[in-house]
C-alpha atoms as a PDB file:
ATOM      1  CA  UNK A   1     101.166  68.486  98.196  1.00  0.00           C
ATOM      2  CA  UNK A   2      98.077  67.463 100.002  1.00  0.00           C
ATOM      3  CA  UNK A   3      98.865  69.100 103.623  1.00  0.00           C
ATOM      4  CA  UNK A   4      95.098  68.120 105.365  1.00  0.00           C
ATOM      5  CA  UNK A   5      91.779  67.236 104.096  1.00  0.00           C
ATOM      6  CA  UNK A   6      89.547  66.813 106.788  1.00  0.00           C
ATOM      7  CA  UNK A   7      85.681  66.265 107.526  1.00  0.00           C
ATOM      8  CA  UNK A   8      83.920  68.621 109.968  1.00  0.00           C
ATOM      9  CA  UNK A   9      80.609  67.984 111.504  1.00  0.00           C
ATOM     10  CA  UNK A  10      78.635  69.684 114.220  1.00  0.00           C
ATOM     11  CA  UNK A  11      81.909  71.608 114.720  1.00  0.00           C
ATOM     12  CA  UNK A  12      83.844  68.306 115.822  1.00  0.00           C
ATOM     13  CA  UNK A  13      86.526  66.109 113.663  1.00  0.00           C
ATOM     14  CA  UNK A  14      84.911  63.021 111.555  1.00  0.00           C
ATOM     15  CA  UNK A  15      87.717  62.118 109.632  1.00  0.00           C
ATOM     16  CA  UNK A  16      90.618  62.712 107.530  1.00  0.00           C
ATOM     17  CA  UNK A  17      89.639  62.184 103.766  1.00  0.00           C
ATOM     18  CA  UNK A  18      90.748  61.356 100.451  1.00  0.00           C
ATOM     19  CA  UNK A  19      90.175  63.882  97.705  1.00  0.00           C
ATOM     20  CA  UNK A  20      88.151  61.647  95.536  1.00  0.00           C
ATOM     21  CA  UNK A  21      85.621  61.698  98.402  1.00  0.00           C
ATOM     22  CA  UNK A  22      85.065  64.987  99.127  1.00  0.00           C
ATOM     23  CA  UNK A  23      82.316  65.359  96.392  1.00  0.00           C
ATOM     24  CA  UNK A  24      80.611  62.233  98.742  1.00  0.00           C
ATOM     25  CA  UNK A  25      80.288  64.379 101.683  1.00  0.00           C
ATOM     26  CA  UNK A  26      79.105  67.764  99.837  1.00  0.00           C
ATOM     27  CA  UNK A  27      76.230  65.488  97.982  1.00  0.00           C
ATOM     28  CA  UNK A  28      74.884  64.734 101.504  1.00  0.00           C
ATOM     29  CA  UNK A  29      72.936  67.582 103.055  1.00  0.00           C
ATOM     30  CA  UNK A  30      73.861  68.904 106.780  1.00  0.00           C
ATOM     31  CA  UNK A  31      76.633  66.665 106.697  1.00  0.00           C
ATOM     32  CA  UNK A  32      79.362  69.203 107.935  1.00  0.00           C
ATOM     33  CA  UNK A  33      81.928  70.510 105.917  1.00  0.00           C
ATOM     34  CA  UNK A  34      85.226  70.010 104.364  1.00  0.00           C
ATOM     35  CA  UNK A  35      88.615  72.081 105.096  1.00  0.00           C
ATOM     36  CA  UNK A  36      91.242  71.195 102.436  1.00  0.00           C
ATOM     37  CA  UNK A  37      95.063  72.321 102.388  1.00  0.00           C
ATOM     38  CA  UNK A  38      97.605  72.319  99.644  1.00  0.00           C
ATOM     39  CA  UNK A  39     100.832  73.285  99.392  1.00  0.00           C
ATOM     40  CA  UNK A  40     102.082  74.348  95.640  1.00  0.00           C
ATOM     41  CA  UNK A  41     100.098  71.929  93.935  1.00  0.00           C
ATOM     42  CA  UNK A  42     100.728  70.767  90.311  1.00  0.00           C
ATOM     43  CA  UNK A  43      97.800  71.313  87.600  1.00  0.00           C
ATOM     44  CA  UNK A  44      96.624  67.786  87.603  1.00  0.00           C
ATOM     45  CA  UNK A  45      95.953  67.927  91.615  1.00  0.00           C
ATOM     46  CA  UNK A  46      94.715  71.139  91.695  1.00  0.00           C
ATOM     47  CA  UNK A  47      92.266  70.312  88.619  1.00  0.00           C
ATOM     48  CA  UNK A  48      90.913  67.103  90.597  1.00  0.00           C
ATOM     49  CA  UNK A  49      90.203  69.217  93.191  1.00  0.00           C
ATOM     50  CA  UNK A  50      88.309  71.719  91.000  1.00  0.00           C
ATOM     51  CA  UNK A  51      86.187  68.815  90.009  1.00  0.00           C
ATOM     52  CA  UNK A  52      85.421  68.091  93.416  1.00  0.00           C
ATOM     53  CA  UNK A  53      84.031  71.415  94.608  1.00  0.00           C
ATOM     54  CA  UNK A  54      83.289  72.910  91.271  1.00  0.00           C
ATOM     55  CA  UNK A  55      85.474  75.964  91.445  1.00  0.00           C
ATOM     56  CA  UNK A  56      85.563  78.249  88.782  1.00  0.00           C
ATOM     57  CA  UNK A  57      88.456  77.798  86.266  1.00  0.00           C
ATOM     58  CA  UNK A  58      89.858  81.588  86.684  1.00  0.00           C
ATOM     59  CA  UNK A  59      90.023  81.243  90.193  1.00  0.00           C
ATOM     60  CA  UNK A  60      91.854  78.008  89.567  1.00  0.00           C
ATOM     61  CA  UNK A  61      94.264  79.456  87.256  1.00  0.00           C
ATOM     62  CA  UNK A  62      95.322  82.194  89.570  1.00  0.00           C
ATOM     63  CA  UNK A  63      95.796  79.489  92.409  1.00  0.00           C
ATOM     64  CA  UNK A  64      98.064  77.370  89.829  1.00  0.00           C
ATOM     65  CA  UNK A  65     100.055  80.301  88.573  1.00  0.00           C
ATOM     66  CA  UNK A  66     100.212  82.310  91.810  1.00  0.00           C
ATOM     67  CA  UNK A  67     102.088  85.929  91.747  1.00  0.00           C
ATOM     68  CA  UNK A  68      98.709  87.394  92.286  1.00  0.00           C
ATOM     69  CA  UNK A  69      98.443  90.686  93.815  1.00  0.00           C
ATOM     70  CA  UNK A  70      95.948  91.006  97.166  1.00  0.00           C
ATOM     71  CA  UNK A  71      92.779  90.643  96.138  1.00  0.00           C
ATOM     72  CA  UNK A  72      88.809  89.240  96.647  1.00  0.00           C
ATOM     73  CA  UNK A  73      86.538  88.165  93.993  1.00  0.00           C
ATOM     74  CA  UNK A  74      83.303  86.260  93.924  1.00  0.00           C
ATOM     75  CA  UNK A  75      82.688  83.320  91.638  1.00  0.00           C
ATOM     76  CA  UNK A  76      78.832  82.616  92.194  1.00  0.00           C
ATOM     77  CA  UNK A  77      78.467  80.973  95.896  1.00  0.00           C
ATOM     78  CA  UNK A  78      82.380  80.680  96.086  1.00  0.00           C
ATOM     79  CA  UNK A  79      84.365  83.609  97.793  1.00  0.00           C
ATOM     80  CA  UNK A  80      87.781  83.685  96.433  1.00  0.00           C
ATOM     81  CA  UNK A  81      90.786  85.540  98.227  1.00  0.00           C
ATOM     82  CA  UNK A  82      94.690  86.221  97.585  1.00  0.00           C
ATOM     83  CA  UNK A  83      96.576  87.086 100.572  1.00  0.00           C
ATOM     84  CA  UNK A  84     100.173  87.551 100.809  1.00  0.00           C
ATOM     85  CA  UNK A  85     101.889  86.014 104.095  1.00  0.00           C
ATOM     86  CA  UNK A  86     105.689  86.403 104.717  1.00  0.00           C
ATOM     87  CA  UNK A  87     108.835  84.668 106.646  1.00  0.00           C
ATOM     88  CA  UNK A  88     111.660  86.245 108.089  1.00  0.00           C
ATOM     89  CA  UNK A  89     115.173  84.400 108.153  1.00  0.00           C
ATOM     90  CA  UNK A  90     117.751  86.382 109.737  1.00  0.00           C
ATOM     91  CA  UNK A  91     115.869  89.550 109.168  1.00  0.00           C
ATOM     92  CA  UNK A  92     115.319  89.092 105.565  1.00  0.00           C
ATOM     93  CA  UNK A  93     111.589  88.829 104.883  1.00  0.00           C
ATOM     94  CA  UNK A  94     110.357  86.137 102.191  1.00  0.00           C
ATOM     95  CA  UNK A  95     106.808  86.698 100.587  1.00  0.00           C
ATOM     96  CA  UNK A  96     104.212  83.853  99.914  1.00  0.00           C
ATOM     97  CA  UNK A  97     100.863  83.616  98.620  1.00  0.00           C
ATOM     98  CA  UNK A  98      97.796  82.154 100.098  1.00  0.00           C
ATOM     99  CA  UNK A  99      94.858  81.608  97.621  1.00  0.00           C
ATOM    100  CA  UNK A 100      91.752  80.816  99.694  1.00  0.00           C
ATOM    101  CA  UNK A 101      88.093  79.106  98.534  1.00  0.00           C
ATOM    102  CA  UNK A 102      85.614  79.480 100.927  1.00  0.00           C
ATOM    103  CA  UNK A 103      81.964  77.752  99.869  1.00  0.00           C
ATOM    104  CA  UNK A 104      78.853  76.988 101.491  1.00  0.00           C
ATOM    105  CA  UNK A 105      80.405  73.805 102.791  1.00  0.00           C
ATOM    106  CA  UNK A 106      84.222  74.118 102.633  1.00  0.00           C
ATOM    107  CA  UNK A 107      87.260  75.783 102.966  1.00  0.00           C
ATOM    108  CA  UNK A 108      90.101  75.443 100.414  1.00  0.00           C
ATOM    109  CA  UNK A 109      93.442  77.041 101.234  1.00  0.00           C
ATOM    110  CA  UNK A 110      96.304  76.790  98.800  1.00  0.00           C
ATOM    111  CA  UNK A 111      99.909  77.751  99.816  1.00  0.00           C
ATOM    112  CA  UNK A 112     102.868  79.206  97.515  1.00  0.00           C
ATOM    113  CA  UNK A 113     105.982  80.279  98.490  1.00  0.00           C
ATOM    114  CA  UNK A 114     107.026  81.615 101.926  1.00  0.00           C
ATOM    115  CA  UNK A 115     104.131  80.740 104.033  1.00  0.00           C
ATOM    116  CA  UNK A 116     103.623  78.726 107.489  1.00  0.00           C
ATOM    117  CA  UNK A 117     101.390  75.559 107.466  1.00  0.00           C
ATOM    118  CA  UNK A 118      97.844  76.479 108.693  1.00  0.00           C
ATOM    119  CA  UNK A 119      97.717  73.219 110.938  1.00  0.00           C
ATOM    120  CA  UNK A 120      97.850  75.500 113.877  1.00  0.00           C
ATOM    121  CA  UNK A 121      95.233  77.352 112.667  1.00  0.00           C
ATOM    122  CA  UNK A 122      93.348  74.251 112.351  1.00  0.00           C
ATOM    123  CA  UNK A 123      93.866  72.978 115.622  1.00  0.00           C
ATOM    124  CA  UNK A 124      93.070  76.249 117.639  1.00  0.00           C
ATOM    125  CA  UNK A 125      89.538  75.858 115.473  1.00  0.00           C
ATOM    126  CA  UNK A 126      88.919  72.457 116.924  1.00  0.00           C
ATOM    127  CA  UNK A 127      89.348  73.974 119.949  1.00  0.00           C
ATOM    128  CA  UNK A 128      86.483  75.684 120.027  1.00  0.00           C
ATOM    129  CA  UNK A 129      83.845  73.107 118.523  1.00  0.00           C
ATOM    130  CA  UNK A 130      81.048  75.894 119.122  1.00  0.00           C
ATOM    131  CA  UNK A 131      82.558  78.604 116.938  1.00  0.00           C
ATOM    132  CA  UNK A 132      83.392  75.843 114.483  1.00  0.00           C
ATOM    133  CA  UNK A 133      79.867  74.873 114.502  1.00  0.00           C
ATOM    134  CA  UNK A 134      78.372  78.003 114.457  1.00  0.00           C
ATOM    135  CA  UNK A 135      80.621  79.688 111.855  1.00  0.00           C
ATOM    136  CA  UNK A 136      81.193  76.502 109.840  1.00  0.00           C
ATOM    137  CA  UNK A 137      83.870  77.059 106.839  1.00  0.00           C
ATOM    138  CA  UNK A 138      83.845  80.906 107.906  1.00  0.00           C
ATOM    139  CA  UNK A 139      85.308  80.241 111.061  1.00  0.00           C
ATOM    140  CA  UNK A 140      87.902  78.447 109.312  1.00  0.00           C
ATOM    141  CA  UNK A 141      88.607  81.395 107.734  1.00  0.00           C
ATOM    142  CA  UNK A 142      88.790  83.690 109.877  1.00  0.00           C
ATOM    143  CA  UNK A 143      91.533  81.388 111.848  1.00  0.00           C
ATOM    144  CA  UNK A 144      93.669  81.369 108.571  1.00  0.00           C
ATOM    145  CA  UNK A 145      93.291  85.292 108.095  1.00  0.00           C
ATOM    146  CA  UNK A 146      94.194  85.372 112.211  1.00  0.00           C
ATOM    147  CA  UNK A 147      97.253  83.122 111.958  1.00  0.00           C
ATOM    148  CA  UNK A 148      98.664  84.660 109.030  1.00  0.00           C
ATOM    149  CA  UNK A 149      98.366  88.421 110.353  1.00  0.00           C
ATOM    150  CA  UNK A 150      99.699  87.509 113.438  1.00  0.00           C
ATOM    151  CA  UNK A 151     102.562  86.259 111.682  1.00  0.00           C
ATOM    152  CA  UNK A 152     103.856  89.579 110.763  1.00  0.00           C
ATOM    153  CA  UNK A 153     104.224  90.830 114.797  1.00  0.00           C
ATOM    154  CA  UNK A 154     107.343  88.576 114.927  1.00  0.00           C
ATOM    155  CA  UNK A 155     108.795  90.309 112.053  1.00  0.00           C
ATOM    156  CA  UNK A 156     108.073  93.557 112.928  1.00  0.00           C
ATOM    157  CA  UNK A 157     109.608  92.588 116.377  1.00  0.00           C
ATOM    158  CA  UNK A 158     112.630  91.217 114.700  1.00  0.00           C
ATOM    159  CA  UNK A 159     113.304  94.460 112.380  1.00  0.00           C
ATOM    160  CA  UNK A 160     112.891  96.816 115.529  1.00  0.00           C
ATOM    161  CA  UNK A 161     115.768  94.790 117.250  1.00  0.00           C
ATOM    162  CA  UNK A 162     117.902  95.306 114.290  1.00  0.00           C
ATOM    163  CA  UNK A 163     117.325  98.925 113.903  1.00  0.00           C
ATOM    164  CA  UNK A 164     117.591  99.196 117.714  1.00  0.00           C
ATOM    165  CA  UNK A 165     121.412  97.521 117.232  1.00  0.00           C
ATOM    166  CA  UNK A 166     121.858  99.494 114.138  1.00  0.00           C
ATOM    167  CA  UNK A 167     121.161 102.850 116.024  1.00  0.00           C
ATOM    168  CA  UNK A 168     123.963 102.130 118.999  1.00  0.00           C
ATOM    169  CA  UNK A 169     126.140 102.117 115.760  1.00  0.00           C
ATOM    170  CA  UNK A 170     125.084 104.873 114.189  1.00  0.00           C
ATOM    171  CA  UNK A 171     126.379 106.979 117.290  1.00  0.00           C
ATOM    172  CA  UNK A 172     129.815 105.309 117.699  1.00  0.00           C
ATOM    173  CA  UNK A 173     131.542 108.419 115.865  1.00  0.00           C
ATOM    174  CA  UNK A 174     132.621 106.186 113.234  1.00  0.00           C
ATOM    175  CA  UNK A 175     130.954 105.931 109.818  1.00  0.00           C
ATOM    176  CA  UNK A 176     130.225 102.527 108.272  1.00  0.00           C
ATOM    177  CA  UNK A 177     128.899 102.073 104.619  1.00  0.00           C
ATOM    178  CA  UNK A 178     127.646  98.439 105.913  1.00  0.00           C
ATOM    179  CA  UNK A 179     125.315 100.410 108.334  1.00  0.00           C
ATOM    180  CA  UNK A 180     123.539 102.915 105.493  1.00  0.00           C
ATOM    181  CA  UNK A 181     123.123  99.348 103.393  1.00  0.00           C
ATOM    182  CA  UNK A 182     121.546  97.614 105.968  1.00  0.00           C
ATOM    183  CA  UNK A 183     119.434 100.540 106.973  1.00  0.00           C
ATOM    184  CA  UNK A 184     118.264 100.740 103.498  1.00  0.00           C
ATOM    185  CA  UNK A 185     117.569  96.660 103.391  1.00  0.00           C
ATOM    186  CA  UNK A 186     115.362  97.145 106.424  1.00  0.00           C
ATOM    187  CA  UNK A 187     113.770 100.177 104.830  1.00  0.00           C
ATOM    188  CA  UNK A 188     113.162  98.056 101.453  1.00  0.00           C
ATOM    189  CA  UNK A 189     111.853  95.047 103.470  1.00  0.00           C
ATOM    190  CA  UNK A 190     109.320  97.327 105.295  1.00  0.00           C
ATOM    191  CA  UNK A 191     107.784  98.554 102.405  1.00  0.00           C
ATOM    192  CA  UNK A 192     107.151  95.399 100.987  1.00  0.00           C
ATOM    193  CA  UNK A 193     105.795  94.007 103.648  1.00  0.00           C
ATOM    194  CA  UNK A 194     103.578  97.379 103.904  1.00  0.00           C
ATOM    195  CA  UNK A 195     102.334  96.654 100.252  1.00  0.00           C
ATOM    196  CA  UNK A 196     101.369  92.999 101.149  1.00  0.00           C
ATOM    197  CA  UNK A 197      99.032  93.502 104.108  1.00  0.00           C
ATOM    198  CA  UNK A 198      97.576  96.848 103.539  1.00  0.00           C
ATOM    199  CA  UNK A 199      94.812  95.220 100.813  1.00  0.00           C
ATOM    200  CA  UNK A 200      93.977  93.022 103.116  1.00  0.00           C
ATOM    201  CA  UNK A 201      92.659  95.542 105.486  1.00  0.00           C
ATOM    202  CA  UNK A 202      90.489  96.624 102.543  1.00  0.00           C
ATOM    203  CA  UNK A 203      89.366  93.151 102.105  1.00  0.00           C
ATOM    204  CA  UNK A 204      88.034  93.027 105.643  1.00  0.00           C
ATOM    205  CA  UNK A 205      86.977  96.259 105.700  1.00  0.00           C
ATOM    206  CA  UNK A 206      84.646  94.953 102.700  1.00  0.00           C
ATOM    207  CA  UNK A 207      83.577  91.333 104.253  1.00  0.00           C
ATOM    208  CA  UNK A 208      82.537  92.942 107.693  1.00  0.00           C
ATOM    209  CA  UNK A 209      80.352  96.241 105.986  1.00  0.00           C
ATOM    210  CA  UNK A 210      79.138  94.158 103.223  1.00  0.00           C
ATOM    211  CA  UNK A 211      78.629  90.589 104.160  1.00  0.00           C
ATOM    212  CA  UNK A 212      78.089  87.767 101.935  1.00  0.00           C
ATOM    213  CA  UNK A 213      75.634  84.684 102.917  1.00  0.00           C
ATOM    214  CA  UNK A 214      78.832  82.742 103.387  1.00  0.00           C
ATOM    215  CA  UNK A 215      80.043  84.213 106.258  1.00  0.00           C
ATOM    216  CA  UNK A 216      77.234  84.394 109.257  1.00  0.00           C
ATOM    217  CA  UNK A 217      76.789  87.289 111.375  1.00  0.00           C
ATOM    218  CA  UNK A 218      77.860  85.954 114.543  1.00  0.00           C
ATOM    219  CA  UNK A 219      81.770  85.786 112.721  1.00  0.00           C
ATOM    220  CA  UNK A 220      81.699  89.351 112.032  1.00  0.00           C
ATOM    221  CA  UNK A 221      83.397  90.169 115.378  1.00  0.00           C
ATOM    222  CA  UNK A 222      85.863  87.710 114.619  1.00  0.00           C
ATOM    223  CA  UNK A 223      86.815  89.458 111.158  1.00  0.00           C
ATOM    224  CA  UNK A 224      86.448  92.728 112.496  1.00  0.00           C
ATOM    225  CA  UNK A 225      88.930  91.363 115.192  1.00  0.00           C
ATOM    226  CA  UNK A 226      91.483  90.682 112.385  1.00  0.00           C
ATOM    227  CA  UNK A 227      90.997  93.536 110.937  1.00  0.00           C
ATOM    228  CA  UNK A 228      92.403  95.633 114.105  1.00  0.00           C
ATOM    229  CA  UNK A 229      95.310  93.547 113.550  1.00  0.00           C
ATOM    230  CA  UNK A 230      95.888  94.730 110.276  1.00  0.00           C
ATOM    231  CA  UNK A 231      95.722  98.153 111.634  1.00  0.00           C
ATOM    232  CA  UNK A 232      98.500  97.328 114.225  1.00  0.00           C
ATOM    233  CA  UNK A 233     100.701  95.752 111.721  1.00  0.00           C
ATOM    234  CA  UNK A 234     100.167  98.791 109.502  1.00  0.00           C
ATOM    235  CA  UNK A 235     100.475 101.299 112.224  1.00  0.00           C
ATOM    236  CA  UNK A 236     103.751  99.599 113.400  1.00  0.00           C
ATOM    237  CA  UNK A 237     105.318  99.190 109.883  1.00  0.00           C
ATOM    238  CA  UNK A 238     104.986 102.892 109.424  1.00  0.00           C
ATOM    239  CA  UNK A 239     106.600 103.729 112.554  1.00  0.00           C
ATOM    240  CA  UNK A 240     109.090 101.585 111.702  1.00  0.00           C
ATOM    241  CA  UNK A 241     109.958 102.768 108.360  1.00  0.00           C
ATOM    242  CA  UNK A 242     109.687 106.843 109.842  1.00  0.00           C
ATOM    243  CA  UNK A 243     112.148 105.665 112.164  1.00  0.00           C
ATOM    244  CA  UNK A 244     114.455 104.123 109.500  1.00  0.00           C
ATOM    245  CA  UNK A 245     114.030 107.163 107.538  1.00  0.00           C
ATOM    246  CA  UNK A 246     115.118 109.306 110.525  1.00  0.00           C
ATOM    247  CA  UNK A 247     118.489 106.929 110.854  1.00  0.00           C
ATOM    248  CA  UNK A 248     119.327 107.321 107.295  1.00  0.00           C
ATOM    249  CA  UNK A 249     119.186 111.245 107.663  1.00  0.00           C
ATOM    250  CA  UNK A 250     121.056 111.141 110.751  1.00  0.00           C
ATOM    251  CA  UNK A 251     123.768 109.013 109.615  1.00  0.00           C
ATOM    252  CA  UNK A 252     124.163 111.296 106.715  1.00  0.00           C
ATOM    253  CA  UNK A 253     123.895 114.279 109.272  1.00  0.00           C
ATOM    254  CA  UNK A 254     126.749 112.594 111.621  1.00  0.00           C
ATOM    255  CA  UNK A 255     129.055 111.793 108.321  1.00  0.00           C
ATOM    256  CA  UNK A 256     128.824 115.009 106.798  1.00  0.00           C
ATOM    257  CA  UNK A 257     129.457 116.526 110.446  1.00  0.00           C
ATOM    258  CA  UNK A 258     132.549 114.182 110.865  1.00  0.00           C
ATOM    259  CA  UNK A 259     134.025 115.379 107.450  1.00  0.00           C
ATOM    260  CA  UNK A 260     133.442 118.954 108.362  1.00  0.00           C
ATOM    261  CA  UNK A 261     135.679 117.982 111.389  1.00  0.00           C
ATOM    262  CA  UNK A 262     138.522 116.369 109.367  1.00  0.00           C
ATOM    263  CA  UNK A 263     138.405 119.178 107.029  1.00  0.00           C
ATOM    264  CA  UNK A 264     138.947 121.673 109.829  1.00  0.00           C
ATOM    265  CA  UNK A 265     141.668 120.377 111.490  1.00  0.00           C
ATOM    266  CA  UNK A 266     143.248 119.683 108.121  1.00  0.00           C
ATOM    267  CA  UNK A 267     142.846 123.483 107.358  1.00  0.00           C
ATOM    268  CA  UNK A 268     144.134 124.264 110.717  1.00  0.00           C
ATOM    269  CA  UNK A 269     147.532 122.187 110.392  1.00  0.00           C
ATOM    270  CA  UNK A 270     147.749 123.661 106.496  1.00  0.00           C
ATOM    271  CA  UNK A 271     147.282 127.132 108.436  1.00  0.00           C
ATOM    272  CA  UNK A 272     150.333 126.404 110.808  1.00  0.00           C
ATOM    273  CA  UNK A 273     152.642 124.964 108.082  1.00  0.00           C
ATOM    274  CA  UNK A 274     151.916 128.257 105.892  1.00  0.00           C
ATOM    275  CA  UNK A 275     153.788 130.539 108.562  1.00  0.00           C
ATOM    276  CA  UNK A 276     157.036 129.074 108.275  1.00  0.00           C
ATOM    277  CA  UNK A 277     156.669 128.396 104.296  1.00  0.00           C
ATOM    278  CA  UNK A 278     155.782 131.549 103.713  1.00  0.00           C
ATOM    279  CA  UNK A 279     158.686 133.139 105.626  1.00  0.00           C
ATOM    280  CA  UNK A 280     161.600 130.866 104.561  1.00  0.00           C
ATOM    281  CA  UNK A 281     159.861 131.481 100.806  1.00  0.00           C
ATOM    282  CA  UNK A 282     161.093 135.045 101.536  1.00  0.00           C
ATOM    283  CA  UNK A 283     164.623 134.128 102.347  1.00  0.00           C
ATOM    284  CA  UNK A 284     164.853 131.408  99.571  1.00  0.00           C
ATOM    285  CA  UNK A 285     164.524 133.715  96.825  1.00  0.00           C
ATOM    286  CA  UNK A 286     168.206 134.192  96.343  1.00  0.00           C
ATOM    287  CA  UNK A 287     168.672 137.775  95.878  1.00  0.00           C
ATOM    288  CA  UNK A 288     171.911 139.441  96.599  1.00  0.00           C
ATOM    289  CA  UNK A 289     170.561 142.491  98.882  1.00  0.00           C
ATOM    290  CA  UNK A 290     168.078 141.106 101.511  1.00  0.00           C
ATOM    291  CA  UNK A 291     168.021 142.322 105.229  1.00  0.00           C
ATOM    292  CA  UNK A 292     169.333 140.746 107.630  1.00  0.00           C
ATOM    293  CA  UNK A 293     171.272 138.186 105.774  1.00  0.00           C
ATOM    294  CA  UNK A 294     174.792 139.092 106.982  1.00  0.00           C
ATOM    295  CA  UNK A 295     173.420 139.188 110.655  1.00  0.00           C
ATOM    296  CA  UNK A 296     175.101 137.025 113.630  1.00  0.00           C
ATOM    297  CA  UNK A 297     171.780 136.049 115.195  1.00  0.00           C
ATOM    298  CA  UNK A 298     169.603 136.312 111.984  1.00  0.00           C
ATOM    299  CA  UNK A 299     168.541 132.469 111.608  1.00  0.00           C
ATOM    300  CA  UNK A 300     167.935 132.440 115.500  1.00  0.00           C
ATOM    301  CA  UNK A 301     165.883 135.432 115.326  1.00  0.00           C
ATOM    302  CA  UNK A 302     164.169 134.120 112.178  1.00  0.00           C
ATOM    303  CA  UNK A 303     163.474 130.626 114.051  1.00  0.00           C
ATOM    304  CA  UNK A 304     161.896 132.490 117.136  1.00  0.00           C
ATOM    305  CA  UNK A 305     159.620 134.770 115.143  1.00  0.00           C
ATOM    306  CA  UNK A 306     158.529 131.604 113.222  1.00  0.00           C
ATOM    307  CA  UNK A 307     158.050 129.900 116.506  1.00  0.00           C
ATOM    308  CA  UNK A 308     156.062 132.797 118.190  1.00  0.00           C
ATOM    309  CA  UNK A 309     153.626 133.199 115.300  1.00  0.00           C
ATOM    310  CA  UNK A 310     152.982 129.417 114.882  1.00  0.00           C
ATOM    311  CA  UNK A 311     152.519 129.374 118.704  1.00  0.00           C
ATOM    312  CA  UNK A 312     149.835 132.217 118.597  1.00  0.00           C
ATOM    313  CA  UNK A 313     148.406 130.787 115.633  1.00  0.00           C
ATOM    314  CA  UNK A 314     147.932 127.315 117.439  1.00  0.00           C
ATOM    315  CA  UNK A 315     146.627 128.957 120.684  1.00  0.00           C
ATOM    316  CA  UNK A 316     144.106 130.329 118.691  1.00  0.00           C
ATOM    317  CA  UNK A 317     143.114 127.093 116.220  1.00  0.00           C
ATOM    318  CA  UNK A 318     142.959 125.393 119.777  1.00  0.00           C
ATOM    319  CA  UNK A 319     140.449 127.759 121.360  1.00  0.00           C
ATOM    320  CA  UNK A 320     138.637 127.463 118.046  1.00  0.00           C
ATOM    321  CA  UNK A 321     138.502 123.970 117.934  1.00  0.00           C
ATOM    322  CA  UNK A 322     139.983 123.501 114.793  1.00  0.00           C
ATOM    323  CA  UNK A 323     143.255 121.538 116.052  1.00  0.00           C
END
């Protein structure tokens, strides 16, 4: 459940710490900061971390129960953020949560559900010791947010590829119920994705326009860069949703047109069958006195008339593309 507990000083990693040693580091002034990463901790572990950092009980309760909406709260000197993360397996989106506690000298991340570990974000931060020294835990916050947002782009590309494959099936002339179901699932997943990432843009705007003492002014351009990525993700999702809506409409129109063609052909053949049926019904009434019943060639004349009328009608329907 404890993925990392690292002590940084002057932008460089000092050592991995046990959780019980966090308070000792924080008691020493000018001794850097601590970055802690937890994954689905139990109540005992999270309350132990609460004692080490002095976290607000309401924020700890949110981080323990999860299933929170994206939000940002301030508890004294601590900034508490909740953001939704996403992972995709075979174009099936699974959502998770990350709860972030940003303090003057610490950064705590608590992951729940479908979310990738932030080890890559820490490694990337360690590759820029000058920025890590300048921003401290605020630069770690930027690295986490940037990593979480960047993970949305591969998901969108997967859905774009799935849509392109479905578009080819839409125009093959055959109506497939599975295509409609898949289009609906893609649009539903993108809507969930949109609802998950949109609040993050509002939070980043608030941080950049109303910065807190926890975030150095030098970190604001980096947060604005994350905001730009959020805007790109939102625009890509909106574009994909419009394309999916158009694909659903096109699929419905093609299905309706295909049904219309079937009805036209059935009506054309029914008209051809109506000619002999009508004539045969006249001579099947069994009246005693009917014209041409006694003629030697009446049968052949009747067959010729039926064939002639049917042939003319077939030609007319053929030109009208009803057959």
